[in-house]
PDB file of all heavy atoms in Angstrom:
ATOM      1  N   ALA A   1      -2.383  81.629 -12.252  1.00  0.00           N
ATOM      2  CA  ALA A   1      -1.719  80.374 -12.093  1.00  0.00           C
ATOM      3  C   ALA A   1      -1.417  80.006 -10.701  1.00  0.00           C
ATOM      4  O   ALA A   1      -1.016  78.865 -10.353  1.00  0.00           O
ATOM      5  CB  ALA A   1      -0.419  80.398 -12.909  1.00  0.00           C
ATOM      6  N   GLY A   2      -1.636  80.922  -9.704  1.00  0.00           N
ATOM      7  CA  GLY A   2      -1.321  80.703  -8.332  1.00  0.00           C
ATOM      8  C   GLY A   2       0.172  80.712  -7.987  1.00  0.00           C
ATOM      9  O   GLY A   2       0.572  79.934  -7.121  1.00  0.00           O
ATOM     10  N   VAL A   3       0.936  81.442  -8.743  1.00  0.00           N
ATOM     11  CA  VAL A   3       2.378  81.591  -8.529  1.00  0.00           C
ATOM     12  C   VAL A   3       2.735  83.021  -8.437  1.00  0.00           C
ATOM     13  O   VAL A   3       1.929  83.912  -8.722  1.00  0.00           O
ATOM     14  CB  VAL A   3       3.239  80.904  -9.637  1.00  0.00           C
ATOM     15  CG1 VAL A   3       2.878  79.435  -9.778  1.00  0.00           C
ATOM     16  CG2 VAL A   3       3.091  81.594 -11.009  1.00  0.00           C
ATOM     17  N   SER A   4       3.929  83.300  -7.943  1.00  0.00           N
ATOM     18  CA  SER A   4       4.383  84.714  -7.860  1.00  0.00           C
ATOM     19  C   SER A   4       4.894  85.198  -9.231  1.00  0.00           C
ATOM     20  O   SER A   4       5.347  84.434 -10.052  1.00  0.00           O
ATOM     21  CB  SER A   4       5.481  84.771  -6.921  1.00  0.00           C
ATOM     22  OG  SER A   4       6.687  84.203  -7.296  1.00  0.00           O
ATOM     23  N   PRO A   5       4.834  86.565  -9.491  1.00  0.00           N
ATOM     24  CA  PRO A   5       5.380  87.075 -10.688  1.00  0.00           C
ATOM     25  C   PRO A   5       6.898  86.756 -10.741  1.00  0.00           C
ATOM     26  O   PRO A   5       7.342  86.522 -11.926  1.00  0.00           O
ATOM     27  CB  PRO A   5       5.173  88.614 -10.551  1.00  0.00           C
ATOM     28  CG  PRO A   5       3.967  88.717  -9.683  1.00  0.00           C
ATOM     29  CD  PRO A   5       4.097  87.531  -8.704  1.00  0.00           C
ATOM     30  N   ALA A   6       7.632  86.594  -9.653  1.00  0.00           N
ATOM     31  CA  ALA A   6       9.008  86.185  -9.723  1.00  0.00           C
ATOM     32  C   ALA A   6       9.173  84.823 -10.374  1.00  0.00           C
ATOM     33  O   ALA A   6      10.161  84.546 -11.096  1.00  0.00           O
ATOM     34  CB  ALA A   6       9.632  86.240  -8.399  1.00  0.00           C
ATOM     35  N   SER A   7       8.216  83.916 -10.098  1.00  0.00           N
ATOM     36  CA  SER A   7       8.254  82.637 -10.732  1.00  0.00           C
ATOM     37  C   SER A   7       8.140  82.708 -12.239  1.00  0.00           C
ATOM     38  O   SER A   7       8.720  81.905 -12.968  1.00  0.00           O
ATOM     39  CB  SER A   7       7.142  81.777 -10.222  1.00  0.00           C
ATOM     40  OG  SER A   7       7.359  81.446  -8.883  1.00  0.00           O
ATOM     41  N   VAL A   8       7.321  83.639 -12.678  1.00  0.00           N
ATOM     42  CA  VAL A   8       7.108  83.793 -14.110  1.00  0.00           C
ATOM     43  C   VAL A   8       8.449  84.248 -14.737  1.00  0.00           C
ATOM     44  O   VAL A   8       8.909  83.746 -15.796  1.00  0.00           O
ATOM     45  CB  VAL A   8       6.012  84.831 -14.419  1.00  0.00           C
ATOM     46  CG1 VAL A   8       5.874  85.079 -15.984  1.00  0.00           C
ATOM     47  CG2 VAL A   8       4.682  84.374 -13.927  1.00  0.00           C
ATOM     48  N   TYR A   9       9.097  85.290 -14.109  1.00  0.00           N
ATOM     49  CA  TYR A   9      10.307  85.863 -14.631  1.00  0.00           C
ATOM     50  C   TYR A   9      11.503  84.840 -14.566  1.00  0.00           C
ATOM     51  O   TYR A   9      12.458  84.964 -15.269  1.00  0.00           O
ATOM     52  CB  TYR A   9      10.625  87.139 -14.042  1.00  0.00           C
ATOM     53  CG  TYR A   9       9.758  88.224 -14.569  1.00  0.00           C
ATOM     54  CD1 TYR A   9       8.840  88.898 -13.738  1.00  0.00           C
ATOM     55  CD2 TYR A   9       9.772  88.569 -15.934  1.00  0.00           C
ATOM     56  CE1 TYR A   9       7.995  89.902 -14.261  1.00  0.00           C
ATOM     57  CE2 TYR A   9       8.894  89.546 -16.434  1.00  0.00           C
ATOM     58  CZ  TYR A   9       8.024  90.232 -15.552  1.00  0.00           C
ATOM     59  OH  TYR A   9       7.224  91.188 -16.121  1.00  0.00           O
ATOM     60  N   ARG A  10      11.374  83.873 -13.629  1.00  0.00           N
ATOM     61  CA  ARG A  10      12.457  82.814 -13.560  1.00  0.00           C
ATOM     62  C   ARG A  10      12.289  81.931 -14.779  1.00  0.00           C
ATOM     63  O   ARG A  10      13.263  81.322 -15.261  1.00  0.00           O
ATOM     64  CB  ARG A  10      12.290  81.982 -12.326  1.00  0.00           C
ATOM     65  CG  ARG A  10      13.076  82.672 -11.146  1.00  0.00           C
ATOM     66  CD  ARG A  10      13.180  81.651  -9.965  1.00  0.00           C
ATOM     67  NE  ARG A  10      11.923  81.300  -9.368  1.00  0.00           N
ATOM     68  CZ  ARG A  10      11.324  81.993  -8.393  1.00  0.00           C
ATOM     69  NH1 ARG A  10      11.893  83.091  -7.912  1.00  0.00           N
ATOM     70  NH2 ARG A  10      10.208  81.559  -7.857  1.00  0.00           N
ATOM     71  N   ARG A  11      11.107  81.820 -15.318  1.00  0.00           N
ATOM     72  CA  ARG A  11      10.819  80.859 -16.383  1.00  0.00           C
ATOM     73  C   ARG A  11      10.926  81.622 -17.773  1.00  0.00           C
ATOM     74  O   ARG A  11      11.290  81.019 -18.716  1.00  0.00           O
ATOM     75  CB  ARG A  11       9.391  80.391 -16.096  1.00  0.00           C
ATOM     76  CG  ARG A  11       8.832  79.485 -17.138  1.00  0.00           C
ATOM     77  CD  ARG A  11       8.548  78.110 -16.466  1.00  0.00           C
ATOM     78  NE  ARG A  11       8.535  77.189 -17.534  1.00  0.00           N
ATOM     79  CZ  ARG A  11       9.622  76.550 -17.956  1.00  0.00           C
ATOM     80  NH1 ARG A  11      10.772  76.677 -17.351  1.00  0.00           N
ATOM     81  NH2 ARG A  11       9.540  75.765 -18.982  1.00  0.00           N
ATOM     82  N   TYR A  12      10.459  82.824 -17.787  1.00  0.00           N
ATOM     83  CA  TYR A  12      10.319  83.562 -19.105  1.00  0.00           C
ATOM     84  C   TYR A  12      10.989  84.893 -18.859  1.00  0.00           C
ATOM     85  O   TYR A  12      10.847  85.590 -17.907  1.00  0.00           O
ATOM     86  CB  TYR A  12       8.868  83.855 -19.460  1.00  0.00           C
ATOM     87  CG  TYR A  12       8.117  82.573 -19.624  1.00  0.00           C
ATOM     88  CD1 TYR A  12       7.313  82.046 -18.603  1.00  0.00           C
ATOM     89  CD2 TYR A  12       8.214  81.842 -20.827  1.00  0.00           C
ATOM     90  CE1 TYR A  12       6.662  80.859 -18.807  1.00  0.00           C
ATOM     91  CE2 TYR A  12       7.568  80.621 -20.972  1.00  0.00           C
ATOM     92  CZ  TYR A  12       6.798  80.115 -19.971  1.00  0.00           C
ATOM     93  OH  TYR A  12       6.137  78.941 -20.092  1.00  0.00           O
ATOM     94  N   ASP A  13      11.871  85.329 -19.869  1.00  0.00           N
ATOM     95  CA  ASP A  13      12.509  86.593 -19.696  1.00  0.00           C
ATOM     96  C   ASP A  13      11.614  87.790 -19.910  1.00  0.00           C
ATOM     97  O   ASP A  13      11.925  88.808 -19.387  1.00  0.00           O
ATOM     98  CB  ASP A  13      13.731  86.628 -20.761  1.00  0.00           C
ATOM     99  CG  ASP A  13      13.381  86.539 -22.164  1.00  0.00           C
ATOM    100  OD1 ASP A  13      12.162  86.287 -22.522  1.00  0.00           O
ATOM    101  OD2 ASP A  13      14.245  86.753 -23.034  1.00  0.00           O
ATOM    102  N   LYS A  14      10.539  87.629 -20.573  1.00  0.00           N
ATOM    103  CA  LYS A  14       9.573  88.702 -20.716  1.00  0.00           C
ATOM    104  C   LYS A  14       8.182  88.011 -21.163  1.00  0.00           C
ATOM    105  O   LYS A  14       8.161  86.842 -21.480  1.00  0.00           O
ATOM    106  CB  LYS A  14       9.924  89.730 -21.730  1.00  0.00           C
ATOM    107  CG  LYS A  14      10.252  89.180 -23.121  1.00  0.00           C
ATOM    108  CD  LYS A  14      10.835  90.232 -24.015  1.00  0.00           C
ATOM    109  CE  LYS A  14      11.169  89.608 -25.343  1.00  0.00           C
ATOM    110  NZ  LYS A  14      11.635  90.564 -26.238  1.00  0.00           N
ATOM    111  N   LYS A  15       7.114  88.836 -21.164  1.00  0.00           N
ATOM    112  CA  LYS A  15       5.836  88.271 -21.475  1.00  0.00           C
ATOM    113  C   LYS A  15       5.807  87.676 -22.887  1.00  0.00           C
ATOM    114  O   LYS A  15       5.145  86.595 -23.115  1.00  0.00           O
ATOM    115  CB  LYS A  15       4.774  89.365 -21.362  1.00  0.00           C
ATOM    116  CG  LYS A  15       3.342  88.786 -21.532  1.00  0.00           C
ATOM    117  CD  LYS A  15       2.282  89.851 -21.263  1.00  0.00           C
ATOM    118  CE  LYS A  15       1.982  90.503 -22.647  1.00  0.00           C
ATOM    119  NZ  LYS A  15       0.867  91.335 -22.573  1.00  0.00           N
ATOM    120  N   ASP A  16       6.502  88.207 -23.812  1.00  0.00           N
ATOM    121  CA  ASP A  16       6.505  87.716 -25.164  1.00  0.00           C
ATOM    122  C   ASP A  16       7.092  86.277 -25.264  1.00  0.00           C
ATOM    123  O   ASP A  16       6.889  85.574 -26.229  1.00  0.00           O
ATOM    124  CB  ASP A  16       7.311  88.665 -26.112  1.00  0.00           C
ATOM    125  CG  ASP A  16       6.526  89.944 -26.444  1.00  0.00           C
ATOM    126  OD1 ASP A  16       5.282  90.002 -26.117  1.00  0.00           O
ATOM    127  OD2 ASP A  16       7.115  90.843 -26.945  1.00  0.00           O
ATOM    128  N   GLY A  17       7.806  85.919 -24.239  1.00  0.00           N
ATOM    129  CA  GLY A  17       8.324  84.573 -24.209  1.00  0.00           C
ATOM    130  C   GLY A  17       7.300  83.496 -24.104  1.00  0.00           C
ATOM    131  O   GLY A  17       7.473  82.321 -24.406  1.00  0.00           O
ATOM    132  N   PHE A  18       6.083  83.924 -23.665  1.00  0.00           N
ATOM    133  CA  PHE A  18       4.998  82.936 -23.627  1.00  0.00           C
ATOM    134  C   PHE A  18       4.498  82.551 -25.032  1.00  0.00           C
ATOM    135  O   PHE A  18       3.898  81.502 -25.170  1.00  0.00           O
ATOM    136  CB  PHE A  18       3.801  83.665 -22.948  1.00  0.00           C
ATOM    137  CG  PHE A  18       3.815  83.526 -21.415  1.00  0.00           C
ATOM    138  CD1 PHE A  18       4.342  84.636 -20.641  1.00  0.00           C
ATOM    139  CD2 PHE A  18       3.414  82.418 -20.707  1.00  0.00           C
ATOM    140  CE1 PHE A  18       4.282  84.542 -19.277  1.00  0.00           C
ATOM    141  CE2 PHE A  18       3.416  82.295 -19.390  1.00  0.00           C
ATOM    142  CZ  PHE A  18       3.923  83.394 -18.626  1.00  0.00           C
ATOM    143  N   ILE A  19       4.659  83.352 -26.019  1.00  0.00           N
ATOM    144  CA  ILE A  19       4.070  83.067 -27.336  1.00  0.00           C
ATOM    145  C   ILE A  19       4.582  81.786 -27.911  1.00  0.00           C
ATOM    146  O   ILE A  19       3.821  80.852 -28.235  1.00  0.00           O
ATOM    147  CB  ILE A  19       4.234  84.294 -28.298  1.00  0.00           C
ATOM    148  CG1 ILE A  19       3.460  85.484 -27.754  1.00  0.00           C
ATOM    149  CG2 ILE A  19       3.815  83.944 -29.676  1.00  0.00           C
ATOM    150  CD1 ILE A  19       3.720  86.800 -28.428  1.00  0.00           C
ATOM    151  N   PRO A  20       5.933  81.643 -28.103  1.00  0.00           N
ATOM    152  CA  PRO A  20       6.350  80.400 -28.621  1.00  0.00           C
ATOM    153  C   PRO A  20       6.091  79.201 -27.683  1.00  0.00           C
ATOM    154  O   PRO A  20       5.838  78.048 -28.056  1.00  0.00           O
ATOM    155  CB  PRO A  20       7.874  80.524 -28.866  1.00  0.00           C
ATOM    156  CG  PRO A  20       8.244  81.738 -28.126  1.00  0.00           C
ATOM    157  CD  PRO A  20       7.036  82.589 -27.934  1.00  0.00           C
ATOM    158  N   ALA A  21       6.161  79.472 -26.314  1.00  0.00           N
ATOM    159  CA  ALA A  21       5.830  78.428 -25.340  1.00  0.00           C
ATOM    160  C   ALA A  21       4.455  77.994 -25.476  1.00  0.00           C
ATOM    161  O   ALA A  21       4.157  76.749 -25.314  1.00  0.00           O
ATOM    162  CB  ALA A  21       6.136  78.942 -23.962  1.00  0.00           C
ATOM    163  N   LEU A  22       3.471  78.902 -25.727  1.00  0.00           N
ATOM    164  CA  LEU A  22       2.111  78.519 -25.875  1.00  0.00           C
ATOM    165  C   LEU A  22       1.886  77.671 -27.116  1.00  0.00           C
ATOM    166  O   LEU A  22       1.169  76.719 -27.061  1.00  0.00           O
ATOM    167  CB  LEU A  22       1.232  79.774 -25.949  1.00  0.00           C
ATOM    168  CG  LEU A  22      -0.266  79.589 -25.783  1.00  0.00           C
ATOM    169  CD1 LEU A  22      -0.637  78.968 -24.459  1.00  0.00           C
ATOM    170  CD2 LEU A  22      -0.972  80.991 -25.936  1.00  0.00           C
ATOM    171  N   PHE A  23       2.556  78.020 -28.170  1.00  0.00           N
ATOM    172  CA  PHE A  23       2.447  77.165 -29.403  1.00  0.00           C
ATOM    173  C   PHE A  23       3.013  75.809 -29.159  1.00  0.00           C
ATOM    174  O   PHE A  23       2.401  74.765 -29.570  1.00  0.00           O
ATOM    175  CB  PHE A  23       3.235  77.826 -30.564  1.00  0.00           C
ATOM    176  CG  PHE A  23       2.488  78.830 -31.272  1.00  0.00           C
ATOM    177  CD1 PHE A  23       2.845  80.195 -31.134  1.00  0.00           C
ATOM    178  CD2 PHE A  23       1.364  78.572 -32.077  1.00  0.00           C
ATOM    179  CE1 PHE A  23       2.102  81.202 -31.739  1.00  0.00           C
ATOM    180  CE2 PHE A  23       0.662  79.519 -32.738  1.00  0.00           C
ATOM    181  CZ  PHE A  23       1.014  80.862 -32.562  1.00  0.00           C
ATOM    182  N   GLU A  24       4.162  75.591 -28.433  1.00  0.00           N
ATOM    183  CA  GLU A  24       4.629  74.344 -28.091  1.00  0.00           C
ATOM    184  C   GLU A  24       3.627  73.538 -27.142  1.00  0.00           C
ATOM    185  O   GLU A  24       3.474  72.403 -27.304  1.00  0.00           O
ATOM    186  CB  GLU A  24       5.953  74.468 -27.308  1.00  0.00           C
ATOM    187  CG  GLU A  24       7.134  74.816 -28.212  1.00  0.00           C
ATOM    188  CD  GLU A  24       8.461  74.944 -27.460  1.00  0.00           C
ATOM    189  OE1 GLU A  24       8.572  74.451 -26.278  1.00  0.00           O
ATOM    190  OE2 GLU A  24       9.324  75.620 -27.946  1.00  0.00           O
ATOM    191  N   PHE A  25       2.998  74.282 -26.295  1.00  0.00           N
ATOM    192  CA  PHE A  25       2.048  73.671 -25.331  1.00  0.00           C
ATOM    193  C   PHE A  25       0.856  73.146 -26.157  1.00  0.00           C
ATOM    194  O   PHE A  25       0.468  71.947 -25.919  1.00  0.00           O
ATOM    195  CB  PHE A  25       1.598  74.699 -24.293  1.00  0.00           C
ATOM    196  CG  PHE A  25       0.597  74.240 -23.288  1.00  0.00           C
ATOM    197  CD1 PHE A  25       1.043  73.403 -22.299  1.00  0.00           C
ATOM    198  CD2 PHE A  25      -0.702  74.656 -23.267  1.00  0.00           C
ATOM    199  CE1 PHE A  25       0.219  73.006 -21.211  1.00  0.00           C
ATOM    200  CE2 PHE A  25      -1.544  74.238 -22.250  1.00  0.00           C
ATOM    201  CZ  PHE A  25      -1.057  73.374 -21.276  1.00  0.00           C
ATOM    202  N   TYR A  26       0.408  73.868 -27.130  1.00  0.00           N
ATOM    203  CA  TYR A  26      -0.734  73.388 -27.947  1.00  0.00           C
ATOM    204  C   TYR A  26      -0.306  72.289 -28.823  1.00  0.00           C
ATOM    205  O   TYR A  26      -1.045  71.293 -29.092  1.00  0.00           O
ATOM    206  CB  TYR A  26      -1.300  74.531 -28.791  1.00  0.00           C
ATOM    207  CG  TYR A  26      -2.161  75.505 -28.006  1.00  0.00           C
ATOM    208  CD1 TYR A  26      -2.105  76.797 -28.233  1.00  0.00           C
ATOM    209  CD2 TYR A  26      -3.086  75.020 -27.107  1.00  0.00           C
ATOM    210  CE1 TYR A  26      -2.905  77.719 -27.570  1.00  0.00           C
ATOM    211  CE2 TYR A  26      -3.918  75.944 -26.419  1.00  0.00           C
ATOM    212  CZ  TYR A  26      -3.811  77.256 -26.676  1.00  0.00           C
ATOM    213  OH  TYR A  26      -4.597  78.156 -25.921  1.00  0.00           O
ATOM    214  N   HIS A  27       0.985  72.361 -29.381  1.00  0.00           N
ATOM    215  CA  HIS A  27       1.467  71.255 -30.115  1.00  0.00           C
ATOM    216  C   HIS A  27       1.578  69.986 -29.368  1.00  0.00           C
ATOM    217  O   HIS A  27       1.169  68.901 -29.889  1.00  0.00           O
ATOM    218  CB  HIS A  27       2.859  71.685 -30.723  1.00  0.00           C
ATOM    219  CG  HIS A  27       3.432  70.649 -31.653  1.00  0.00           C
ATOM    220  ND1 HIS A  27       4.517  69.932 -31.384  1.00  0.00           N
ATOM    221  CD2 HIS A  27       3.080  70.312 -32.901  1.00  0.00           C
ATOM    222  CE1 HIS A  27       4.764  69.089 -32.314  1.00  0.00           C
ATOM    223  NE2 HIS A  27       3.923  69.373 -33.301  1.00  0.00           N
ATOM    224  N   GLU A  28       2.027  69.971 -28.165  1.00  0.00           N
ATOM    225  CA  GLU A  28       2.080  68.794 -27.321  1.00  0.00           C
ATOM    226  C   GLU A  28       0.658  68.273 -27.082  1.00  0.00           C
ATOM    227  O   GLU A  28       0.479  67.006 -27.190  1.00  0.00           O
ATOM    228  CB  GLU A  28       2.695  69.147 -25.938  1.00  0.00           C
ATOM    229  CG  GLU A  28       4.237  69.369 -25.962  1.00  0.00           C
ATOM    230  CD  GLU A  28       4.776  69.806 -24.710  1.00  0.00           C
ATOM    231  OE1 GLU A  28       4.059  69.658 -23.626  1.00  0.00           O
ATOM    232  OE2 GLU A  28       5.914  70.258 -24.595  1.00  0.00           O
ATOM    233  N   ARG A  29      -0.278  69.129 -26.806  1.00  0.00           N
ATOM    234  CA  ARG A  29      -1.633  68.711 -26.656  1.00  0.00           C
ATOM    235  C   ARG A  29      -2.131  68.000 -27.935  1.00  0.00           C
ATOM    236  O   ARG A  29      -2.837  66.978 -27.869  1.00  0.00           O
ATOM    237  CB  ARG A  29      -2.600  69.890 -26.349  1.00  0.00           C
ATOM    238  CG  ARG A  29      -2.630  70.262 -24.955  1.00  0.00           C
ATOM    239  CD  ARG A  29      -3.748  71.273 -24.821  1.00  0.00           C
ATOM    240  NE  ARG A  29      -3.984  71.702 -23.490  1.00  0.00           N
ATOM    241  CZ  ARG A  29      -4.790  72.701 -23.164  1.00  0.00           C
ATOM    242  NH1 ARG A  29      -5.431  73.269 -24.110  1.00  0.00           N
ATOM    243  NH2 ARG A  29      -4.906  73.045 -21.947  1.00  0.00           N
ATOM    244  N   LEU A  30      -1.879  68.532 -29.048  1.00  0.00           N
ATOM    245  CA  LEU A  30      -2.323  68.024 -30.323  1.00  0.00           C
ATOM    246  C   LEU A  30      -1.760  66.622 -30.574  1.00  0.00           C
ATOM    247  O   LEU A  30      -2.386  65.669 -30.942  1.00  0.00           O
ATOM    248  CB  LEU A  30      -1.989  68.946 -31.434  1.00  0.00           C
ATOM    249  CG  LEU A  30      -2.467  68.553 -32.869  1.00  0.00           C
ATOM    250  CD1 LEU A  30      -3.960  68.401 -32.890  1.00  0.00           C
ATOM    251  CD2 LEU A  30      -1.976  69.499 -33.900  1.00  0.00           C
ATOM    252  N   LEU A  31      -0.411  66.463 -30.294  1.00  0.00           N
ATOM    253  CA  LEU A  31       0.218  65.211 -30.408  1.00  0.00           C
ATOM    254  C   LEU A  31      -0.387  64.169 -29.452  1.00  0.00           C
ATOM    255  O   LEU A  31      -0.643  63.048 -29.870  1.00  0.00           O
ATOM    256  CB  LEU A  31       1.744  65.308 -30.206  1.00  0.00           C
ATOM    257  CG  LEU A  31       2.523  66.140 -31.201  1.00  0.00           C
ATOM    258  CD1 LEU A  31       3.966  66.222 -30.822  1.00  0.00           C
ATOM    259  CD2 LEU A  31       2.377  65.366 -32.551  1.00  0.00           C
ATOM    260  N   ASP A  32      -0.601  64.587 -28.243  1.00  0.00           N
ATOM    261  CA  ASP A  32      -1.277  63.651 -27.232  1.00  0.00           C
ATOM    262  C   ASP A  32      -2.683  63.235 -27.738  1.00  0.00           C
ATOM    263  O   ASP A  32      -3.006  62.071 -27.683  1.00  0.00           O
ATOM    264  CB  ASP A  32      -1.347  64.332 -25.903  1.00  0.00           C
ATOM    265  CG  ASP A  32      -0.032  64.461 -25.190  1.00  0.00           C
ATOM    266  OD1 ASP A  32       0.959  63.802 -25.617  1.00  0.00           O
ATOM    267  OD2 ASP A  32       0.013  65.212 -24.174  1.00  0.00           O
ATOM    268  N   TRP A  33      -3.407  64.200 -28.252  1.00  0.00           N
ATOM    269  CA  TRP A  33      -4.795  63.938 -28.703  1.00  0.00           C
ATOM    270  C   TRP A  33      -4.715  63.015 -29.965  1.00  0.00           C
ATOM    271  O   TRP A  33      -5.467  62.072 -29.992  1.00  0.00           O
ATOM    272  CB  TRP A  33      -5.536  65.185 -29.010  1.00  0.00           C
ATOM    273  CG  TRP A  33      -6.883  64.877 -29.530  1.00  0.00           C
ATOM    274  CD1 TRP A  33      -7.990  64.635 -28.761  1.00  0.00           C
ATOM    275  CD2 TRP A  33      -7.314  64.743 -30.924  1.00  0.00           C
ATOM    276  NE1 TRP A  33      -9.071  64.310 -29.667  1.00  0.00           N
ATOM    277  CE2 TRP A  33      -8.644  64.363 -30.938  1.00  0.00           C
ATOM    278  CE3 TRP A  33      -6.619  64.820 -32.101  1.00  0.00           C
ATOM    279  CZ2 TRP A  33      -9.350  64.124 -32.164  1.00  0.00           C
ATOM    280  CZ3 TRP A  33      -7.268  64.611 -33.347  1.00  0.00           C
ATOM    281  CH2 TRP A  33      -8.710  64.301 -33.293  1.00  0.00           C
ATOM    282  N   SER A  34      -3.763  63.294 -30.855  1.00  0.00           N
ATOM    283  CA  SER A  34      -3.727  62.440 -32.096  1.00  0.00           C
ATOM    284  C   SER A  34      -3.353  61.012 -31.821  1.00  0.00           C
ATOM    285  O   SER A  34      -3.754  60.158 -32.572  1.00  0.00           O
ATOM    286  CB  SER A  34      -2.779  63.075 -33.090  1.00  0.00           C
ATOM    287  OG  SER A  34      -1.437  63.002 -32.643  1.00  0.00           O
ATOM    288  N   ALA A  35      -2.739  60.763 -30.673  1.00  0.00           N
ATOM    289  CA  ALA A  35      -2.380  59.354 -30.292  1.00  0.00           C
ATOM    290  C   ALA A  35      -3.580  58.706 -29.439  1.00  0.00           C
ATOM    291  O   ALA A  35      -3.416  57.533 -29.087  1.00  0.00           O
ATOM    292  CB  ALA A  35      -1.114  59.373 -29.557  1.00  0.00           C
ATOM    293  N   SER A  36      -4.592  59.511 -29.111  1.00  0.00           N
ATOM    294  CA  SER A  36      -5.646  58.971 -28.199  1.00  0.00           C
ATOM    295  C   SER A  36      -6.620  58.171 -29.016  1.00  0.00           C
ATOM    296  O   SER A  36      -6.797  58.252 -30.261  1.00  0.00           O
ATOM    297  CB  SER A  36      -6.349  60.136 -27.579  1.00  0.00           C
ATOM    298  OG  SER A  36      -7.169  60.761 -28.506  1.00  0.00           O
ATOM    299  N   PRO A  37      -7.358  57.312 -28.289  1.00  0.00           N
ATOM    300  CA  PRO A  37      -8.429  56.486 -28.930  1.00  0.00           C
ATOM    301  C   PRO A  37      -9.511  57.456 -29.569  1.00  0.00           C
ATOM    302  O   PRO A  37     -10.051  57.091 -30.610  1.00  0.00           O
ATOM    303  CB  PRO A  37      -9.040  55.743 -27.746  1.00  0.00           C
ATOM    304  CG  PRO A  37      -7.974  55.629 -26.735  1.00  0.00           C
ATOM    305  CD  PRO A  37      -7.221  56.899 -26.853  1.00  0.00           C
ATOM    306  N   ALA A  38      -9.768  58.550 -28.954  1.00  0.00           N
ATOM    307  CA  ALA A  38     -10.789  59.461 -29.598  1.00  0.00           C
ATOM    308  C   ALA A  38     -10.299  59.941 -30.969  1.00  0.00           C
ATOM    309  O   ALA A  38     -11.186  59.976 -31.848  1.00  0.00           O
ATOM    310  CB  ALA A  38     -10.992  60.685 -28.689  1.00  0.00           C
ATOM    311  N   ALA A  39      -9.020  60.195 -31.104  1.00  0.00           N
ATOM    312  CA  ALA A  39      -8.579  60.632 -32.403  1.00  0.00           C
ATOM    313  C   ALA A  39      -8.599  59.504 -33.374  1.00  0.00           C
ATOM    314  O   ALA A  39      -8.907  59.722 -34.594  1.00  0.00           O
ATOM    315  CB  ALA A  39      -7.151  61.153 -32.292  1.00  0.00           C
ATOM    316  N   GLN A  40      -8.354  58.255 -32.937  1.00  0.00           N
ATOM    317  CA  GLN A  40      -8.406  57.125 -33.821  1.00  0.00           C
ATOM    318  C   GLN A  40      -9.832  56.867 -34.301  1.00  0.00           C
ATOM    319  O   GLN A  40     -10.048  56.491 -35.466  1.00  0.00           O
ATOM    320  CB  GLN A  40      -7.750  55.926 -33.075  1.00  0.00           C
ATOM    321  CG  GLN A  40      -6.361  56.001 -32.675  1.00  0.00           C
ATOM    322  CD  GLN A  40      -5.405  56.484 -33.689  1.00  0.00           C
ATOM    323  OE1 GLN A  40      -5.456  56.060 -34.843  1.00  0.00           O
ATOM    324  NE2 GLN A  40      -4.581  57.521 -33.357  1.00  0.00           N
TER     325      GLN A  40
END
Protein backbone atom coordinates (compact mmCIF):
# COMPACT_ATOMS: atom_id res chain seq x y z
CA ALA A 1 0.00 0.00 0.00
CA GLY A 2 3.03 2.27 0.29
CA VAL A 3 2.47 3.03 3.98
CA SER A 4 4.29 2.10 7.17
CA PRO A 5 3.22 -0.86 9.33
CA ALA A 6 2.55 1.72 12.07
CA SER A 7 -0.09 3.27 9.79
CA VAL A 8 -1.78 -0.11 9.56
CA TYR A 9 -1.84 -0.53 13.32
CA ARG A 10 -3.21 3.00 13.76
CA ARG A 11 -6.11 1.92 11.60
CA TYR A 12 -6.56 -1.76 12.58
CA ASP A 13 -5.93 -3.33 15.95
CA LYS A 14 -4.73 -6.55 14.29
CA LYS A 15 -4.67 -8.20 10.88
CA ASP A 16 -8.04 -9.86 11.46
CA GLY A 17 -9.54 -6.35 11.59
CA PHE A 18 -9.15 -6.30 7.82
CA ILE A 19 -11.75 -9.02 7.31
CA PRO A 20 -14.92 -7.05 8.14
CA ALA A 21 -13.33 -3.94 6.62
CA LEU A 22 -12.75 -5.80 3.36
CA PHE A 23 -16.39 -6.93 3.28
CA GLU A 24 -17.48 -3.30 3.80
CA PHE A 25 -15.11 -2.19 1.04
CA TYR A 26 -16.62 -4.73 -1.38
CA HIS A 27 -20.13 -3.79 -0.27
CA GLU A 28 -19.44 -0.12 -1.04
CA ARG A 29 -18.08 -1.10 -4.46
CA LEU A 30 -21.17 -3.19 -5.15
CA LEU A 31 -23.48 -0.33 -4.18
CA ASP A 32 -21.53 2.08 -6.39
CA TRP A 33 -21.64 -0.36 -9.30
CA SER A 34 -25.36 -1.08 -8.86
CA ALA A 35 -26.08 2.65 -9.23
CA SER A 36 -23.91 2.94 -12.34
CA PRO A 37 -25.16 3.07 -15.94
CA ALA A 38 -23.41 -0.26 -16.61
CA ALA A 39 -25.51 -1.95 -13.95
CA GLN A 40 -28.66 -0.37 -15.30
